[in-house]
Amino acid sequence: MISPDHHLYHHSYFFNKAFIDPFSPLNERDVKVMETTMGEIHEHFKDHVRQSRGDRIGATDESELFSGAFWTGHRAVELGLADGVKTAHAHLRQEFGDRVRTVWLRPGESPLAQLMGAEVECL
């Protein structure tokens, strides 16, 4: 079994070098910094959603809306987080007209070959 050694150079110039180091025990200072940072990011996210969705989120309970939960597309529409549910192709046709050509890429095949219509074996 290979067991890599963990070497971390601690030097006064690099005070945060070991911040949340996965090989070291957690320390309270690092956890507090992460919790504060994550809280700030979450507040920025909530402000962005409020500004970008405006009245569409209406009277939705914010404790549910910003809980970290996830929903189906239809529930997201009910909550005001999305404008509708449709396929990518339907959206492209609505935005750009009936002449839109959608190319569906298949797993295991070269995207370039698919676009060119060639029969090429992937390496």
PDB file of N, CA and C in Angstrom:
ATOM      1  N   MET A   1       0.840  -1.178   0.000  1.00  0.00           N
ATOM      2  CA  MET A   1       0.000   0.000   0.000  1.00  0.00           C
ATOM      3  C   MET A   1       0.890   1.248   0.000  1.00  0.00           C
ATOM      4  N   ILE A   2       0.546   2.185  -0.857  1.00  0.00           N
ATOM      5  CA  ILE A   2       1.295   3.432  -0.937  1.00  0.00           C
ATOM      6  C   ILE A   2       0.706   4.415   0.050  1.00  0.00           C
ATOM      7  N   SER A   3       1.549   5.011   0.842  1.00  0.00           N
ATOM      8  CA  SER A   3       1.105   6.000   1.811  1.00  0.00           C
ATOM      9  C   SER A   3       1.955   7.251   1.650  1.00  0.00           C
ATOM     10  N   PRO A   4       1.436   8.255   0.949  1.00  0.00           N
ATOM     11  CA  PRO A   4       2.236   9.460   0.738  1.00  0.00           C
ATOM     12  C   PRO A   4       2.475  10.195   2.050  1.00  0.00           C
ATOM     13  N   ASP A   5       3.661  10.671   2.209  1.00  0.00           N
ATOM     14  CA  ASP A   5       3.979  11.480   3.382  1.00  0.00           C
ATOM     15  C   ASP A   5       3.407  12.873   3.184  1.00  0.00           C
ATOM     16  N   HIS A   6       3.002  13.459   4.271  1.00  0.00           N
ATOM     17  CA  HIS A   6       2.450  14.809   4.214  1.00  0.00           C
ATOM     18  C   HIS A   6       3.497  15.775   4.761  1.00  0.00           C
ATOM     19  N   HIS A   7       3.991  16.630   3.892  1.00  0.00           N
ATOM     20  CA  HIS A   7       4.982  17.615   4.299  1.00  0.00           C
ATOM     21  C   HIS A   7       4.397  18.998   4.076  1.00  0.00           C
ATOM     22  N   LEU A   8       4.358  19.753   5.120  1.00  0.00           N
ATOM     23  CA  LEU A   8       3.854  21.112   5.020  1.00  0.00           C
ATOM     24  C   LEU A   8       4.878  22.024   5.651  1.00  0.00           C
ATOM     25  N   TYR A   9       5.396  22.920   4.848  1.00  0.00           N
ATOM     26  CA  TYR A   9       6.434  23.832   5.312  1.00  0.00           C
ATOM     27  C   TYR A   9       5.781  24.967   6.062  1.00  0.00           C
ATOM     28  N   HIS A  10       5.966  25.004   7.369  1.00  0.00           N
ATOM     29  CA  HIS A  10       5.425  26.084   8.188  1.00  0.00           C
ATOM     30  C   HIS A  10       6.476  27.170   8.328  1.00  0.00           C
ATOM     31  N   HIS A  11       6.134  28.347   7.922  1.00  0.00           N
ATOM     32  CA  HIS A  11       7.046  29.475   8.009  1.00  0.00           C
ATOM     33  C   HIS A  11       6.218  30.701   8.347  1.00  0.00           C
ATOM     34  N   SER A  12       6.781  31.623   9.053  1.00  0.00           N
ATOM     35  CA  SER A  12       6.019  32.787   9.493  1.00  0.00           C
ATOM     36  C   SER A  12       5.439  33.591   8.333  1.00  0.00           C
ATOM     37  N   TYR A  13       6.059  33.532   7.160  1.00  0.00           N
ATOM     38  CA  TYR A  13       5.527  34.254   6.001  1.00  0.00           C
ATOM     39  C   TYR A  13       4.234  33.626   5.496  1.00  0.00           C
ATOM     40  N   PHE A  14       4.018  32.362   5.802  1.00  0.00           N
ATOM     41  CA  PHE A  14       2.885  31.611   5.260  1.00  0.00           C
ATOM     42  C   PHE A  14       1.943  31.189   6.384  1.00  0.00           C
ATOM     43  N   PHE A  15       1.401  32.164   7.082  1.00  0.00           N
ATOM     44  CA  PHE A  15       0.570  31.902   8.245  1.00  0.00           C
ATOM     45  C   PHE A  15      -0.618  31.007   7.908  1.00  0.00           C
ATOM     46  N   ASN A  16      -1.216  31.190   6.754  1.00  0.00           N
ATOM     47  CA  ASN A  16      -2.406  30.427   6.385  1.00  0.00           C
ATOM     48  C   ASN A  16      -2.104  29.231   5.494  1.00  0.00           C
ATOM     49  N   LYS A  17      -0.862  28.849   5.373  1.00  0.00           N
ATOM     50  CA  LYS A  17      -0.476  27.748   4.489  1.00  0.00           C
ATOM     51  C   LYS A  17      -1.240  26.463   4.821  1.00  0.00           C
ATOM     52  N   ALA A  18      -1.484  26.209   6.091  1.00  0.00           N
ATOM     53  CA  ALA A  18      -2.143  24.968   6.506  1.00  0.00           C
ATOM     54  C   ALA A  18      -3.637  25.157   6.762  1.00  0.00           C
ATOM     55  N   PHE A  19      -4.216  26.221   6.222  1.00  0.00           N
ATOM     56  CA  PHE A  19      -5.632  26.500   6.444  1.00  0.00           C
ATOM     57  C   PHE A  19      -6.481  25.325   5.966  1.00  0.00           C
ATOM     58  N   ILE A  20      -7.282  24.778   6.843  1.00  0.00           N
ATOM     59  CA  ILE A  20      -8.155  23.636   6.556  1.00  0.00           C
ATOM     60  C   ILE A  20      -7.373  22.526   5.835  1.00  0.00           C
ATOM     61  N   ASP A  21      -6.196  22.245   6.310  1.00  0.00           N
ATOM     62  CA  ASP A  21      -5.379  21.168   5.753  1.00  0.00           C
ATOM     63  C   ASP A  21      -6.076  19.835   6.025  1.00  0.00           C
ATOM     64  N   PRO A  22      -6.408  19.073   4.972  1.00  0.00           N
ATOM     65  CA  PRO A  22      -7.159  17.825   5.176  1.00  0.00           C
ATOM     66  C   PRO A  22      -6.377  16.758   5.946  1.00  0.00           C
ATOM     67  N   PHE A  23      -5.066  16.932   6.087  1.00  0.00           N
ATOM     68  CA  PHE A  23      -4.252  15.949   6.782  1.00  0.00           C
ATOM     69  C   PHE A  23      -3.996  16.329   8.240  1.00  0.00           C
ATOM     70  N   SER A  24      -4.497  17.464   8.653  1.00  0.00           N
ATOM     71  CA  SER A  24      -4.279  17.935  10.022  1.00  0.00           C
ATOM     72  C   SER A  24      -5.616  18.046  10.738  1.00  0.00           C
ATOM     73  N   PRO A  25      -5.603  17.951  12.053  1.00  0.00           N
ATOM     74  CA  PRO A  25      -6.853  18.131  12.799  1.00  0.00           C
ATOM     75  C   PRO A  25      -7.401  19.548  12.590  1.00  0.00           C
ATOM     76  N   LEU A  26      -8.722  19.671  12.614  1.00  0.00           N
ATOM     77  CA  LEU A  26      -9.335  20.985  12.487  1.00  0.00           C
ATOM     78  C   LEU A  26      -8.997  21.830  13.705  1.00  0.00           C
ATOM     79  N   ASN A  27      -8.787  23.111  13.462  1.00  0.00           N
ATOM     80  CA  ASN A  27      -8.623  23.994  14.608  1.00  0.00           C
ATOM     81  C   ASN A  27      -9.757  25.020  14.588  1.00  0.00           C
ATOM     82  N   GLU A  28     -10.084  25.519  15.756  1.00  0.00           N
ATOM     83  CA  GLU A  28     -11.241  26.402  15.906  1.00  0.00           C
ATOM     84  C   GLU A  28     -11.134  27.669  15.071  1.00  0.00           C
ATOM     85  N   ARG A  29      -9.940  28.209  14.942  1.00  0.00           N
ATOM     86  CA  ARG A  29      -9.742  29.435  14.169  1.00  0.00           C
ATOM     87  C   ARG A  29     -10.118  29.208  12.706  1.00  0.00           C
ATOM     88  N   ASP A  30      -9.646  28.111  12.112  1.00  0.00           N
ATOM     89  CA  ASP A  30      -9.955  27.816  10.711  1.00  0.00           C
ATOM     90  C   ASP A  30     -11.453  27.602  10.509  1.00  0.00           C
ATOM     91  N   VAL A  31     -12.079  26.884  11.422  1.00  0.00           N
ATOM     92  CA  VAL A  31     -13.509  26.629  11.311  1.00  0.00           C
ATOM     93  C   VAL A  31     -14.281  27.944  11.389  1.00  0.00           C
ATOM     94  N   LYS A  32     -13.901  28.818  12.299  1.00  0.00           N
ATOM     95  CA  LYS A  32     -14.579  30.122  12.439  1.00  0.00           C
ATOM     96  C   LYS A  32     -14.427  30.951  11.163  1.00  0.00           C
ATOM     97  N   VAL A  33     -13.227  30.966  10.591  1.00  0.00           N
ATOM     98  CA  VAL A  33     -12.997  31.711   9.347  1.00  0.00           C
ATOM     99  C   VAL A  33     -13.874  31.147   8.232  1.00  0.00           C
ATOM    100  N   MET A  34     -13.934  29.810   8.106  1.00  0.00           N
ATOM    101  CA  MET A  34     -14.747  29.201   7.062  1.00  0.00           C
ATOM    102  C   MET A  34     -16.227  29.489   7.271  1.00  0.00           C
ATOM    103  N   GLU A  35     -16.701  29.400   8.502  1.00  0.00           N
ATOM    104  CA  GLU A  35     -18.114  29.681   8.768  1.00  0.00           C
ATOM    105  C   GLU A  35     -18.449  31.134   8.436  1.00  0.00           C
ATOM    106  N   THR A  36     -17.577  32.052   8.789  1.00  0.00           N
ATOM    107  CA  THR A  36     -17.794  33.467   8.489  1.00  0.00           C
ATOM    108  C   THR A  36     -17.811  33.690   6.985  1.00  0.00           C
ATOM    109  N   THR A  37     -16.845  33.126   6.287  1.00  0.00           N
ATOM    110  CA  THR A  37     -16.755  33.282   4.826  1.00  0.00           C
ATOM    111  C   THR A  37     -17.972  32.680   4.135  1.00  0.00           C
ATOM    112  N   MET A  38     -18.364  31.488   4.547  1.00  0.00           N
ATOM    113  CA  MET A  38     -19.530  30.847   3.942  1.00  0.00           C
ATOM    114  C   MET A  38     -20.797  31.647   4.222  1.00  0.00           C
ATOM    115  N   GLY A  39     -20.902  32.231   5.409  1.00  0.00           N
ATOM    116  CA  GLY A  39     -22.051  33.080   5.729  1.00  0.00           C
ATOM    117  C   GLY A  39     -22.110  34.307   4.840  1.00  0.00           C
ATOM    118  N   GLU A  40     -20.951  34.932   4.596  1.00  0.00           N
ATOM    119  CA  GLU A  40     -20.901  36.096   3.705  1.00  0.00           C
ATOM    120  C   GLU A  40     -21.298  35.709   2.281  1.00  0.00           C
ATOM    121  N   ILE A  41     -20.785  34.591   1.800  1.00  0.00           N
ATOM    122  CA  ILE A  41     -21.123  34.126   0.449  1.00  0.00           C
ATOM    123  C   ILE A  41     -22.624  33.863   0.351  1.00  0.00           C
ATOM    124  N   HIS A  42     -23.197  33.243   1.381  1.00  0.00           N
ATOM    125  CA  HIS A  42     -24.630  32.953   1.368  1.00  0.00           C
ATOM    126  C   HIS A  42     -25.451  34.247   1.346  1.00  0.00           C
ATOM    127  N   GLU A  43     -25.029  35.252   2.084  1.00  0.00           N
ATOM    128  CA  GLU A  43     -25.735  36.535   2.073  1.00  0.00           C
ATOM    129  C   GLU A  43     -25.660  37.189   0.689  1.00  0.00           C
ATOM    130  N   HIS A  44     -24.493  37.130   0.048  1.00  0.00           N
ATOM    131  CA  HIS A  44     -24.353  37.669  -1.314  1.00  0.00           C
ATOM    132  C   HIS A  44     -25.271  36.920  -2.280  1.00  0.00           C
ATOM    133  N   PHE A  45     -25.333  35.601  -2.131  1.00  0.00           N
ATOM    134  CA  PHE A  45     -26.204  34.779  -2.976  1.00  0.00           C
ATOM    135  C   PHE A  45     -27.667  35.190  -2.787  1.00  0.00           C
ATOM    136  N   LYS A  46     -28.110  35.327  -1.545  1.00  0.00           N
ATOM    137  CA  LYS A  46     -29.496  35.696  -1.277  1.00  0.00           C
ATOM    138  C   LYS A  46     -29.809  37.073  -1.860  1.00  0.00           C
ATOM    139  N   ASP A  47     -28.890  38.028  -1.708  1.00  0.00           N
ATOM    140  CA  ASP A  47     -29.087  39.360  -2.290  1.00  0.00           C
ATOM    141  C   ASP A  47     -29.215  39.275  -3.804  1.00  0.00           C
ATOM    142  N   HIS A  48     -28.362  38.450  -4.421  1.00  0.00           N
ATOM    143  CA  HIS A  48     -28.403  38.301  -5.878  1.00  0.00           C
ATOM    144  C   HIS A  48     -29.746  37.712  -6.327  1.00  0.00           C
ATOM    145  N   VAL A  49     -30.221  36.687  -5.635  1.00  0.00           N
ATOM    146  CA  VAL A  49     -31.507  36.079  -5.996  1.00  0.00           C
ATOM    147  C   VAL A  49     -32.633  37.093  -5.830  1.00  0.00           C
ATOM    148  N   ARG A  50     -32.639  37.825  -4.733  1.00  0.00           N
ATOM    149  CA  ARG A  50     -33.682  38.838  -4.515  1.00  0.00           C
ATOM    150  C   ARG A  50     -33.675  39.886  -5.623  1.00  0.00           C
ATOM    151  N   GLN A  51     -32.483  40.352  -6.000  1.00  0.00           N
ATOM    152  CA  GLN A  51     -32.385  41.389  -7.031  1.00  0.00           C
ATOM    153  C   GLN A  51     -32.732  40.856  -8.414  1.00  0.00           C
ATOM    154  N   SER A  52     -32.244  39.667  -8.744  1.00  0.00           N
ATOM    155  CA  SER A  52     -32.447  39.167 -10.103  1.00  0.00           C
ATOM    156  C   SER A  52     -33.842  38.587 -10.321  1.00  0.00           C
ATOM    157  N   ARG A  53     -34.471  38.042  -9.274  1.00  0.00           N
ATOM    158  CA  ARG A  53     -35.806  37.456  -9.435  1.00  0.00           C
ATOM    159  C   ARG A  53     -36.907  38.432  -9.038  1.00  0.00           C
ATOM    160  N   GLY A  54     -36.571  39.452  -8.252  1.00  0.00           N
ATOM    161  CA  GLY A  54     -37.522  40.508  -7.902  1.00  0.00           C
ATOM    162  C   GLY A  54     -38.836  39.993  -7.359  1.00  0.00           C
ATOM    163  N   ASP A  55     -39.935  40.509  -7.934  1.00  0.00           N
ATOM    164  CA  ASP A  55     -41.280  40.159  -7.478  1.00  0.00           C
ATOM    165  C   ASP A  55     -41.662  38.718  -7.805  1.00  0.00           C
ATOM    166  N   ARG A  56     -40.888  38.068  -8.651  1.00  0.00           N
ATOM    167  CA  ARG A  56     -41.239  36.691  -9.021  1.00  0.00           C
ATOM    168  C   ARG A  56     -41.133  35.733  -7.840  1.00  0.00           C
ATOM    169  N   ILE A  57     -40.277  36.060  -6.859  1.00  0.00           N
ATOM    170  CA  ILE A  57     -40.226  35.196  -5.677  1.00  0.00           C
ATOM    171  C   ILE A  57     -41.298  35.585  -4.675  1.00  0.00           C
ATOM    172  N   GLY A  58     -41.911  36.728  -4.874  1.00  0.00           N
ATOM    173  CA  GLY A  58     -43.079  37.143  -4.115  1.00  0.00           C
ATOM    174  C   GLY A  58     -42.981  36.906  -2.621  1.00  0.00           C
ATOM    175  N   ALA A  59     -44.028  36.272  -2.092  1.00  0.00           N
ATOM    176  CA  ALA A  59     -44.126  36.061  -0.647  1.00  0.00           C
ATOM    177  C   ALA A  59     -43.574  34.699  -0.235  1.00  0.00           C
ATOM    178  N   THR A  60     -42.711  34.150  -1.041  1.00  0.00           N
ATOM    179  CA  THR A  60     -42.128  32.855  -0.716  1.00  0.00           C
ATOM    180  C   THR A  60     -41.381  32.937   0.608  1.00  0.00           C
ATOM    181  N   ASP A  61     -41.557  31.946   1.436  1.00  0.00           N
ATOM    182  CA  ASP A  61     -40.885  31.882   2.731  1.00  0.00           C
ATOM    183  C   ASP A  61     -39.380  31.757   2.501  1.00  0.00           C
ATOM    184  N   GLU A  62     -38.637  32.786   2.903  1.00  0.00           N
ATOM    185  CA  GLU A  62     -37.195  32.793   2.650  1.00  0.00           C
ATOM    186  C   GLU A  62     -36.454  31.711   3.421  1.00  0.00           C
ATOM    187  N   SER A  63     -37.002  31.270   4.549  1.00  0.00           N
ATOM    188  CA  SER A  63     -36.320  30.200   5.278  1.00  0.00           C
ATOM    189  C   SER A  63     -36.324  28.913   4.456  1.00  0.00           C
ATOM    190  N   GLU A  64     -37.353  28.714   3.623  1.00  0.00           N
ATOM    191  CA  GLU A  64     -37.372  27.566   2.713  1.00  0.00           C
ATOM    192  C   GLU A  64     -36.515  27.855   1.484  1.00  0.00           C
ATOM    193  N   LEU A  65     -36.683  29.056   0.964  1.00  0.00           N
ATOM    194  CA  LEU A  65     -36.011  29.427  -0.275  1.00  0.00           C
ATOM    195  C   LEU A  65     -34.494  29.365  -0.160  1.00  0.00           C
ATOM    196  N   PHE A  66     -33.945  29.799   0.951  1.00  0.00           N
ATOM    197  CA  PHE A  66     -32.497  29.871   1.119  1.00  0.00           C
ATOM    198  C   PHE A  66     -31.966  28.846   2.116  1.00  0.00           C
ATOM    199  N   SER A  67     -32.627  27.706   2.191  1.00  0.00           N
ATOM    200  CA  SER A  67     -32.259  26.679   3.163  1.00  0.00           C
ATOM    201  C   SER A  67     -31.157  25.749   2.659  1.00  0.00           C
ATOM    202  N   GLY A  68     -30.837  25.827   1.386  1.00  0.00           N
ATOM    203  CA  GLY A  68     -29.870  24.887   0.817  1.00  0.00           C
ATOM    204  C   GLY A  68     -30.554  23.690   0.184  1.00  0.00           C
ATOM    205  N   ALA A  69     -31.876  23.661   0.241  1.00  0.00           N
ATOM    206  CA  ALA A  69     -32.636  22.568  -0.355  1.00  0.00           C
ATOM    207  C   ALA A  69     -32.611  22.687  -1.879  1.00  0.00           C
ATOM    208  N   PHE A  70     -33.079  21.649  -2.532  1.00  0.00           N
ATOM    209  CA  PHE A  70     -33.207  21.686  -3.987  1.00  0.00           C
ATOM    210  C   PHE A  70     -34.582  21.158  -4.363  1.00  0.00           C
ATOM    211  N   TRP A  71     -35.043  21.550  -5.562  1.00  0.00           N
ATOM    212  CA  TRP A  71     -36.395  21.233  -5.967  1.00  0.00           C
ATOM    213  C   TRP A  71     -36.435  20.751  -7.406  1.00  0.00           C
ATOM    214  N   THR A  72     -37.575  20.209  -7.787  1.00  0.00           N
ATOM    215  CA  THR A  72     -37.810  19.894  -9.190  1.00  0.00           C
ATOM    216  C   THR A  72     -37.996  21.215  -9.933  1.00  0.00           C
ATOM    217  N   GLY A  73     -37.945  21.152 -11.236  1.00  0.00           N
ATOM    218  CA  GLY A  73     -38.148  22.354 -12.034  1.00  0.00           C
ATOM    219  C   GLY A  73     -39.509  22.978 -11.790  1.00  0.00           C
ATOM    220  N   HIS A  74     -40.535  22.152 -11.680  1.00  0.00           N
ATOM    221  CA  HIS A  74     -41.883  22.679 -11.474  1.00  0.00           C
ATOM    222  C   HIS A  74     -42.009  23.377 -10.122  1.00  0.00           C
ATOM    223  N   ARG A  75     -41.385  22.822  -9.098  1.00  0.00           N
ATOM    224  CA  ARG A  75     -41.420  23.477  -7.775  1.00  0.00           C
ATOM    225  C   ARG A  75     -40.624  24.777  -7.804  1.00  0.00           C
ATOM    226  N   ALA A  76     -39.510  24.796  -8.538  1.00  0.00           N
ATOM    227  CA  ALA A  76     -38.717  26.022  -8.667  1.00  0.00           C
ATOM    228  C   ALA A  76     -39.540  27.125  -9.331  1.00  0.00           C
ATOM    229  N   VAL A  77     -40.379  26.764 -10.312  1.00  0.00           N
ATOM    230  CA  VAL A  77     -41.273  27.744 -10.945  1.00  0.00           C
ATOM    231  C   VAL A  77     -42.272  28.265  -9.915  1.00  0.00           C
ATOM    232  N   GLU A  78     -42.854  27.357  -9.111  1.00  0.00           N
ATOM    233  CA  GLU A  78     -43.808  27.771  -8.080  1.00  0.00           C
ATOM    234  C   GLU A  78     -43.174  28.739  -7.081  1.00  0.00           C
ATOM    235  N   LEU A  79     -41.899  28.495  -6.756  1.00  0.00           N
ATOM    236  CA  LEU A  79     -41.191  29.345  -5.798  1.00  0.00           C
ATOM    237  C   LEU A  79     -40.724  30.660  -6.414  1.00  0.00           C
ATOM    238  N   GLY A  80     -40.794  30.764  -7.739  1.00  0.00           N
ATOM    239  CA  GLY A  80     -40.352  31.974  -8.419  1.00  0.00           C
ATOM    240  C   GLY A  80     -38.878  31.978  -8.769  1.00  0.00           C
ATOM    241  N   LEU A  81     -38.232  30.812  -8.650  1.00  0.00           N
ATOM    242  CA  LEU A  81     -36.799  30.728  -8.955  1.00  0.00           C
ATOM    243  C   LEU A  81     -36.526  30.450 -10.429  1.00  0.00           C
ATOM    244  N   ALA A  82     -37.536  30.002 -11.152  1.00  0.00           N
ATOM    245  CA  ALA A  82     -37.391  29.701 -12.576  1.00  0.00           C
ATOM    246  C   ALA A  82     -38.628  30.220 -13.296  1.00  0.00           C
ATOM    247  N   ASP A  83     -38.481  30.486 -14.589  1.00  0.00           N
ATOM    248  CA  ASP A  83     -39.588  31.025 -15.368  1.00  0.00           C
ATOM    249  C   ASP A  83     -40.411  29.945 -16.049  1.00  0.00           C
ATOM    250  N   GLY A  84     -39.847  28.764 -16.203  1.00  0.00           N
ATOM    251  CA  GLY A  84     -40.576  27.689 -16.868  1.00  0.00           C
ATOM    252  C   GLY A  84     -39.730  26.437 -16.943  1.00  0.00           C
ATOM    253  N   VAL A  85     -40.366  25.369 -17.407  1.00  0.00           N
ATOM    254  CA  VAL A  85     -39.686  24.092 -17.561  1.00  0.00           C
ATOM    255  C   VAL A  85     -39.865  23.654 -19.006  1.00  0.00           C
ATOM    256  N   LYS A  86     -38.751  23.453 -19.690  1.00  0.00           N
ATOM    257  CA  LYS A  86     -38.807  22.981 -21.077  1.00  0.00           C
ATOM    258  C   LYS A  86     -37.468  22.366 -21.447  1.00  0.00           C
ATOM    259  N   THR A  87     -37.443  21.706 -22.561  1.00  0.00           N
ATOM    260  CA  THR A  87     -36.205  21.084 -23.013  1.00  0.00           C
ATOM    261  C   THR A  87     -35.263  22.146 -23.574  1.00  0.00           C
ATOM    262  N   ALA A  88     -34.003  21.809 -23.660  1.00  0.00           N
ATOM    263  CA  ALA A  88     -33.021  22.730 -24.233  1.00  0.00           C
ATOM    264  C   ALA A  88     -33.389  23.047 -25.687  1.00  0.00           C
ATOM    265  N   HIS A  89     -33.809  22.031 -26.425  1.00  0.00           N
ATOM    266  CA  HIS A  89     -34.164  22.244 -27.828  1.00  0.00           C
ATOM    267  C   HIS A  89     -35.356  23.201 -27.951  1.00  0.00           C
ATOM    268  N   ALA A  90     -36.373  23.028 -27.119  1.00  0.00           N
ATOM    269  CA  ALA A  90     -37.539  23.919 -27.160  1.00  0.00           C
ATOM    270  C   ALA A  90     -37.125  25.351 -26.831  1.00  0.00           C
ATOM    271  N   HIS A  91     -36.236  25.515 -25.861  1.00  0.00           N
ATOM    272  CA  HIS A  91     -35.771  26.857 -25.503  1.00  0.00           C
ATOM    273  C   HIS A  91     -35.002  27.493 -26.659  1.00  0.00           C
ATOM    274  N   LEU A  92     -34.126  26.736 -27.290  1.00  0.00           N
ATOM    275  CA  LEU A  92     -33.352  27.275 -28.411  1.00  0.00           C
ATOM    276  C   LEU A  92     -34.269  27.668 -29.567  1.00  0.00           C
ATOM    277  N   ARG A  93     -35.274  26.847 -29.858  1.00  0.00           N
ATOM    278  CA  ARG A  93     -36.222  27.180 -30.930  1.00  0.00           C
ATOM    279  C   ARG A  93     -37.007  28.446 -30.586  1.00  0.00           C
ATOM    280  N   GLN A  94     -37.400  28.578 -29.334  1.00  0.00           N
ATOM    281  CA  GLN A  94     -38.143  29.769 -28.912  1.00  0.00           C
ATOM    282  C   GLN A  94     -37.274  31.015 -29.044  1.00  0.00           C
ATOM    283  N   GLU A  95     -36.013  30.920 -28.649  1.00  0.00           N
ATOM    284  CA  GLU A  95     -35.114  32.075 -28.665  1.00  0.00           C
ATOM    285  C   GLU A  95     -34.616  32.419 -30.066  1.00  0.00           C
ATOM    286  N   PHE A  96     -34.355  31.397 -30.900  1.00  0.00           N
ATOM    287  CA  PHE A  96     -33.656  31.629 -32.173  1.00  0.00           C
ATOM    288  C   PHE A  96     -34.428  31.178 -33.409  1.00  0.00           C
ATOM    289  N   GLY A  97     -35.620  30.655 -33.234  1.00  0.00           N
ATOM    290  CA  GLY A  97     -36.438  30.291 -34.375  1.00  0.00           C
ATOM    291  C   GLY A  97     -36.347  28.814 -34.750  1.00  0.00           C
ATOM    292  N   ASP A  98     -37.178  28.472 -35.769  1.00  0.00           N
ATOM    293  CA  ASP A  98     -37.304  27.066 -36.184  1.00  0.00           C
ATOM    294  C   ASP A  98     -36.100  26.527 -36.943  1.00  0.00           C
ATOM    295  N   ARG A  99     -35.214  27.402 -37.370  1.00  0.00           N
ATOM    296  CA  ARG A  99     -34.067  26.932 -38.163  1.00  0.00           C
ATOM    297  C   ARG A  99     -32.896  26.456 -37.292  1.00  0.00           C
ATOM    298  N   VAL A 100     -33.083  26.458 -35.988  1.00  0.00           N
ATOM    299  CA  VAL A 100     -32.034  26.003 -35.073  1.00  0.00           C
ATOM    300  C   VAL A 100     -31.796  24.520 -35.291  1.00  0.00           C
ATOM    301  N   ARG A 101     -30.528  24.172 -35.380  1.00  0.00           N
ATOM    302  CA  ARG A 101     -30.141  22.764 -35.517  1.00  0.00           C
ATOM    303  C   ARG A 101     -29.457  22.344 -34.219  1.00  0.00           C
ATOM    304  N   THR A 102     -30.042  21.393 -33.526  1.00  0.00           N
ATOM    305  CA  THR A 102     -29.469  20.902 -32.277  1.00  0.00           C
ATOM    306  C   THR A 102     -28.649  19.656 -32.566  1.00  0.00           C
ATOM    307  N   VAL A 103     -27.419  19.649 -32.120  1.00  0.00           N
ATOM    308  CA  VAL A 103     -26.545  18.501 -32.292  1.00  0.00           C
ATOM    309  C   VAL A 103     -26.418  17.821 -30.939  1.00  0.00           C
ATOM    310  N   TRP A 104     -26.865  16.593 -30.863  1.00  0.00           N
ATOM    311  CA  TRP A 104     -26.790  15.832 -29.617  1.00  0.00           C
ATOM    312  C   TRP A 104     -25.523  15.000 -29.630  1.00  0.00           C
ATOM    313  N   LEU A 105     -24.657  15.224 -28.671  1.00  0.00           N
ATOM    314  CA  LEU A 105     -23.410  14.482 -28.580  1.00  0.00           C
ATOM    315  C   LEU A 105     -23.652  13.190 -27.813  1.00  0.00           C
ATOM    316  N   ARG A 106     -23.094  12.104 -28.340  1.00  0.00           N
ATOM    317  CA  ARG A 106     -23.275  10.803 -27.718  1.00  0.00           C
ATOM    318  C   ARG A 106     -22.028  10.430 -26.927  1.00  0.00           C
ATOM    319  N   PRO A 107     -22.207   9.808 -25.782  1.00  0.00           N
ATOM    320  CA  PRO A 107     -21.044   9.421 -24.974  1.00  0.00           C
ATOM    321  C   PRO A 107     -20.129   8.469 -25.733  1.00  0.00           C
ATOM    322  N   GLY A 108     -18.840   8.655 -25.540  1.00  0.00           N
ATOM    323  CA  GLY A 108     -17.864   7.744 -26.133  1.00  0.00           C
ATOM    324  C   GLY A 108     -17.506   8.062 -27.561  1.00  0.00           C
ATOM    325  N   GLU A 109     -18.101   9.072 -28.133  1.00  0.00           N
ATOM    326  CA  GLU A 109     -17.769   9.452 -29.509  1.00  0.00           C
ATOM    327  C   GLU A 109     -17.138  10.828 -29.509  1.00  0.00           C
ATOM    328  N   SER A 110     -16.278  11.052 -30.463  1.00  0.00           N
ATOM    329  CA  SER A 110     -15.611  12.333 -30.596  1.00  0.00           C
ATOM    330  C   SER A 110     -16.630  13.412 -30.971  1.00  0.00           C
ATOM    331  N   PRO A 111     -16.725  14.486 -30.173  1.00  0.00           N
ATOM    332  CA  PRO A 111     -17.651  15.565 -30.522  1.00  0.00           C
ATOM    333  C   PRO A 111     -17.353  16.156 -31.896  1.00  0.00           C
ATOM    334  N   LEU A 112     -16.084  16.289 -32.238  1.00  0.00           N
ATOM    335  CA  LEU A 112     -15.730  16.828 -33.550  1.00  0.00           C
ATOM    336  C   LEU A 112     -16.211  15.895 -34.659  1.00  0.00           C
ATOM    337  N   ALA A 113     -16.015  14.605 -34.463  1.00  0.00           N
ATOM    338  CA  ALA A 113     -16.467  13.643 -35.463  1.00  0.00           C
ATOM    339  C   ALA A 113     -17.980  13.682 -35.612  1.00  0.00           C
ATOM    340  N   GLN A 114     -18.678  13.822 -34.508  1.00  0.00           N
ATOM    341  CA  GLN A 114     -20.133  13.887 -34.584  1.00  0.00           C
ATOM    342  C   GLN A 114     -20.592  15.126 -35.340  1.00  0.00           C
ATOM    343  N   LEU A 115     -19.941  16.256 -35.064  1.00  0.00           N
ATOM    344  CA  LEU A 115     -20.313  17.480 -35.759  1.00  0.00           C
ATOM    345  C   LEU A 115     -20.041  17.395 -37.249  1.00  0.00           C
ATOM    346  N   MET A 116     -18.967  16.702 -37.601  1.00  0.00           N
ATOM    347  CA  MET A 116     -18.593  16.565 -39.004  1.00  0.00           C
ATOM    348  C   MET A 116     -19.343  15.430 -39.697  1.00  0.00           C
ATOM    349  N   GLY A 117     -20.062  14.616 -38.900  1.00  0.00           N
ATOM    350  CA  GLY A 117     -20.790  13.496 -39.470  1.00  0.00           C
ATOM    351  C   GLY A 117     -19.888  12.341 -39.838  1.00  0.00           C
ATOM    352  N   ALA A 118     -18.684  12.314 -39.298  1.00  0.00           N
ATOM    353  CA  ALA A 118     -17.717  11.255 -39.647  1.00  0.00           C
ATOM    354  C   ALA A 118     -17.874  10.062 -38.723  1.00  0.00           C
ATOM    355  N   GLU A 119     -17.458   8.936 -39.231  1.00  0.00           N
ATOM    356  CA  GLU A 119     -17.404   7.719 -38.433  1.00  0.00           C
ATOM    357  C   GLU A 119     -15.958   7.559 -37.987  1.00  0.00           C
ATOM    358  N   VAL A 120     -15.640   8.050 -36.806  1.00  0.00           N
ATOM    359  CA  VAL A 120     -14.270   8.014 -36.290  1.00  0.00           C
ATOM    360  C   VAL A 120     -14.290   7.277 -34.957  1.00  0.00           C
ATOM    361  N   GLU A 121     -13.345   6.391 -34.773  1.00  0.00           N
ATOM    362  CA  GLU A 121     -13.237   5.675 -33.505  1.00  0.00           C
ATOM    363  C   GLU A 121     -12.440   6.517 -32.529  1.00  0.00           C
ATOM    364  N   CYS A 122     -12.973   6.658 -31.302  1.00  0.00           N
ATOM    365  CA  CYS A 122     -12.273   7.410 -30.284  1.00  0.00           C
ATOM    366  C   CYS A 122     -11.160   6.572 -29.698  1.00  0.00           C
ATOM    367  N   LEU A 123     -10.071   7.237 -29.348  1.00  0.00           N
ATOM    368  CA  LEU A 123      -8.974   6.530 -28.704  1.00  0.00           C
ATOM    369  C   LEU A 123      -9.180   6.498 -27.226  1.00  0.00           C
TER     370      LEU A 123
END
